[in-house]
């Protein structure tokens, strides 16, 4: 099973890509602000990125 963190999931590319990912993958959708199943994540915040990755993959 694949695991992927999608940054910018609420944007134009993210919203186009998310439905194309295999349903068997674990997907963590993120963007600067939370909205409709998208978790907030500022990719310039190194600690926040680490916590999302560690929390999602452990």
N, C-alpha and C. Protein backbone atom coordinates (compact mmCIF):
# COMPACT_ATOMS: atom_id res chain seq x y z
N UNK A 1 0.84 -1.17 0.00
CA UNK A 1 0.00 0.00 0.00
C UNK A 1 0.89 1.24 0.00
N UNK A 2 0.55 2.22 -0.81
CA UNK A 2 1.31 3.45 -0.87
C UNK A 2 0.80 4.48 0.11
N UNK A 3 1.68 5.38 0.48
CA UNK A 3 1.34 6.48 1.39
C UNK A 3 1.86 7.76 0.75
N UNK A 4 1.04 8.82 0.77
CA UNK A 4 1.45 10.07 0.15
C UNK A 4 0.89 11.25 0.95
N UNK A 5 1.72 12.30 1.09
CA UNK A 5 1.28 13.56 1.66
C UNK A 5 1.19 14.54 0.49
N UNK A 6 0.00 15.07 0.26
CA UNK A 6 -0.21 16.02 -0.83
C UNK A 6 -0.24 17.42 -0.24
N UNK A 7 0.74 18.24 -0.62
CA UNK A 7 0.74 19.64 -0.19
C UNK A 7 0.02 20.45 -1.26
N UNK A 8 -0.64 21.50 -0.82
CA UNK A 8 -1.41 22.30 -1.78
C UNK A 8 -2.65 21.57 -2.26
N UNK A 9 -3.20 20.71 -1.42
CA UNK A 9 -4.31 19.85 -1.83
C UNK A 9 -5.59 20.62 -2.15
N UNK A 10 -5.73 21.82 -1.61
CA UNK A 10 -6.94 22.62 -1.88
C UNK A 10 -6.78 23.50 -3.12
N UNK A 11 -5.60 23.49 -3.71
CA UNK A 11 -5.35 24.32 -4.89
C UNK A 11 -5.78 23.65 -6.18
N UNK A 12 -5.48 24.30 -7.27
CA UNK A 12 -5.90 23.82 -8.60
C UNK A 12 -5.30 22.45 -8.92
N UNK A 13 -4.01 22.29 -8.74
CA UNK A 13 -3.37 21.01 -9.06
C UNK A 13 -3.75 19.94 -8.04
N UNK A 14 -3.74 20.30 -6.76
CA UNK A 14 -4.09 19.34 -5.72
C UNK A 14 -5.48 18.77 -5.89
N UNK A 15 -6.46 19.63 -6.19
CA UNK A 15 -7.82 19.14 -6.37
C UNK A 15 -7.96 18.29 -7.62
N UNK A 16 -7.09 18.49 -8.58
CA UNK A 16 -7.12 17.66 -9.79
C UNK A 16 -6.44 16.32 -9.56
N UNK A 17 -5.40 16.31 -8.72
CA UNK A 17 -4.62 15.08 -8.49
C UNK A 17 -5.27 14.14 -7.49
N UNK A 18 -5.83 14.69 -6.42
CA UNK A 18 -6.38 13.85 -5.35
C UNK A 18 -7.34 12.76 -5.84
N UNK A 19 -8.30 13.07 -6.71
CA UNK A 19 -9.22 12.01 -7.14
C UNK A 19 -8.56 10.93 -8.00
N UNK A 20 -7.37 11.20 -8.51
CA UNK A 20 -6.69 10.24 -9.38
C UNK A 20 -5.81 9.25 -8.60
N UNK A 21 -5.59 9.52 -7.32
CA UNK A 21 -4.74 8.63 -6.52
C UNK A 21 -5.49 7.34 -6.21
N UNK A 22 -4.79 6.23 -6.24
CA UNK A 22 -5.43 4.94 -5.95
C UNK A 22 -6.09 4.94 -4.57
N UNK A 23 -7.28 4.35 -4.48
CA UNK A 23 -8.01 4.32 -3.22
C UNK A 23 -7.30 3.52 -2.13
N UNK A 24 -6.42 2.63 -2.54
CA UNK A 24 -5.70 1.81 -1.54
C UNK A 24 -4.56 2.59 -0.87
N UNK A 25 -4.21 3.75 -1.41
CA UNK A 25 -3.16 4.57 -0.81
C UNK A 25 -3.71 5.29 0.42
N UNK A 26 -2.84 5.49 1.40
CA UNK A 26 -3.16 6.37 2.52
C UNK A 26 -2.77 7.77 2.08
N UNK A 27 -3.73 8.68 2.05
CA UNK A 27 -3.47 10.04 1.57
C UNK A 27 -3.69 11.03 2.71
N UNK A 28 -2.71 11.90 2.91
CA UNK A 28 -2.83 13.00 3.86
C UNK A 28 -2.84 14.27 3.02
N UNK A 29 -4.01 14.88 2.87
CA UNK A 29 -4.16 16.10 2.08
C UNK A 29 -3.90 17.31 2.97
N UNK A 30 -3.01 18.21 2.53
CA UNK A 30 -2.66 19.39 3.33
C UNK A 30 -2.66 20.64 2.47
N UNK A 31 -2.84 21.78 3.13
CA UNK A 31 -2.75 23.08 2.47
C UNK A 31 -2.50 24.11 3.57
N UNK A 32 -2.31 25.35 3.20
CA UNK A 32 -2.05 26.39 4.21
C UNK A 32 -3.18 26.52 5.21
N UNK A 33 -4.41 26.35 4.76
CA UNK A 33 -5.56 26.43 5.66
C UNK A 33 -6.40 25.16 5.52
N UNK A 34 -7.02 24.77 6.63
CA UNK A 34 -7.86 23.57 6.63
C UNK A 34 -9.17 23.87 5.92
N UNK A 35 -9.64 22.89 5.16
CA UNK A 35 -10.93 23.02 4.48
C UNK A 35 -11.36 21.67 3.94
N UNK A 36 -12.55 21.23 4.29
CA UNK A 36 -13.15 20.04 3.72
C UNK A 36 -12.25 18.83 3.59
N UNK A 37 -11.72 18.34 4.69
CA UNK A 37 -10.88 17.15 4.67
C UNK A 37 -9.41 17.43 4.38
N UNK A 38 -9.06 18.68 4.26
CA UNK A 38 -7.67 19.08 4.02
C UNK A 38 -7.11 19.63 5.32
N UNK A 39 -6.01 19.05 5.79
CA UNK A 39 -5.39 19.47 7.04
C UNK A 39 -4.50 20.69 6.82
N UNK A 40 -4.41 21.58 7.80
CA UNK A 40 -3.54 22.75 7.64
C UNK A 40 -2.07 22.36 7.77
N UNK A 41 -1.25 22.90 6.88
CA UNK A 41 0.20 22.67 6.96
C UNK A 41 0.91 23.78 6.20
N UNK A 42 1.83 24.45 6.88
CA UNK A 42 2.70 25.45 6.26
C UNK A 42 4.02 24.74 5.95
N UNK A 43 4.29 24.50 4.68
CA UNK A 43 5.49 23.73 4.31
C UNK A 43 6.79 24.47 4.60
N UNK A 44 6.71 25.74 4.98
CA UNK A 44 7.92 26.46 5.38
C UNK A 44 8.24 26.23 6.86
N UNK A 45 7.34 25.55 7.56
CA UNK A 45 7.53 25.24 8.98
C UNK A 45 8.06 23.80 9.09
N UNK A 46 9.36 23.71 9.27
CA UNK A 46 10.03 22.40 9.27
C UNK A 46 9.48 21.45 10.34
N UNK A 47 9.22 21.97 11.53
CA UNK A 47 8.69 21.12 12.61
C UNK A 47 7.28 20.62 12.29
N UNK A 48 6.47 21.48 11.71
CA UNK A 48 5.10 21.07 11.34
C UNK A 48 5.15 19.98 10.28
N UNK A 49 6.03 20.12 9.31
CA UNK A 49 6.16 19.10 8.26
C UNK A 49 6.62 17.77 8.85
N UNK A 50 7.58 17.84 9.74
CA UNK A 50 8.09 16.61 10.37
C UNK A 50 6.99 15.92 11.16
N UNK A 51 6.17 16.69 11.86
CA UNK A 51 5.11 16.07 12.68
C UNK A 51 4.05 15.42 11.79
N UNK A 52 3.75 16.01 10.66
CA UNK A 52 2.77 15.40 9.74
C UNK A 52 3.33 14.12 9.16
N UNK A 53 4.57 14.15 8.76
CA UNK A 53 5.18 12.96 8.15
C UNK A 53 5.36 11.85 9.18
N UNK A 54 5.90 12.17 10.33
CA UNK A 54 6.11 11.16 11.36
C UNK A 54 4.76 10.62 11.83
N UNK A 55 3.79 11.49 12.07
CA UNK A 55 2.49 11.07 12.53
C UNK A 55 1.74 10.23 11.52
N UNK A 56 1.96 10.49 10.25
CA UNK A 56 1.23 9.78 9.21
C UNK A 56 1.88 8.45 8.86
N UNK A 57 3.18 8.36 8.95
CA UNK A 57 3.88 7.16 8.50
C UNK A 57 4.22 6.21 9.63
N UNK A 58 3.92 6.59 10.87
CA UNK A 58 4.29 5.68 11.97
C UNK A 58 3.17 4.72 12.30
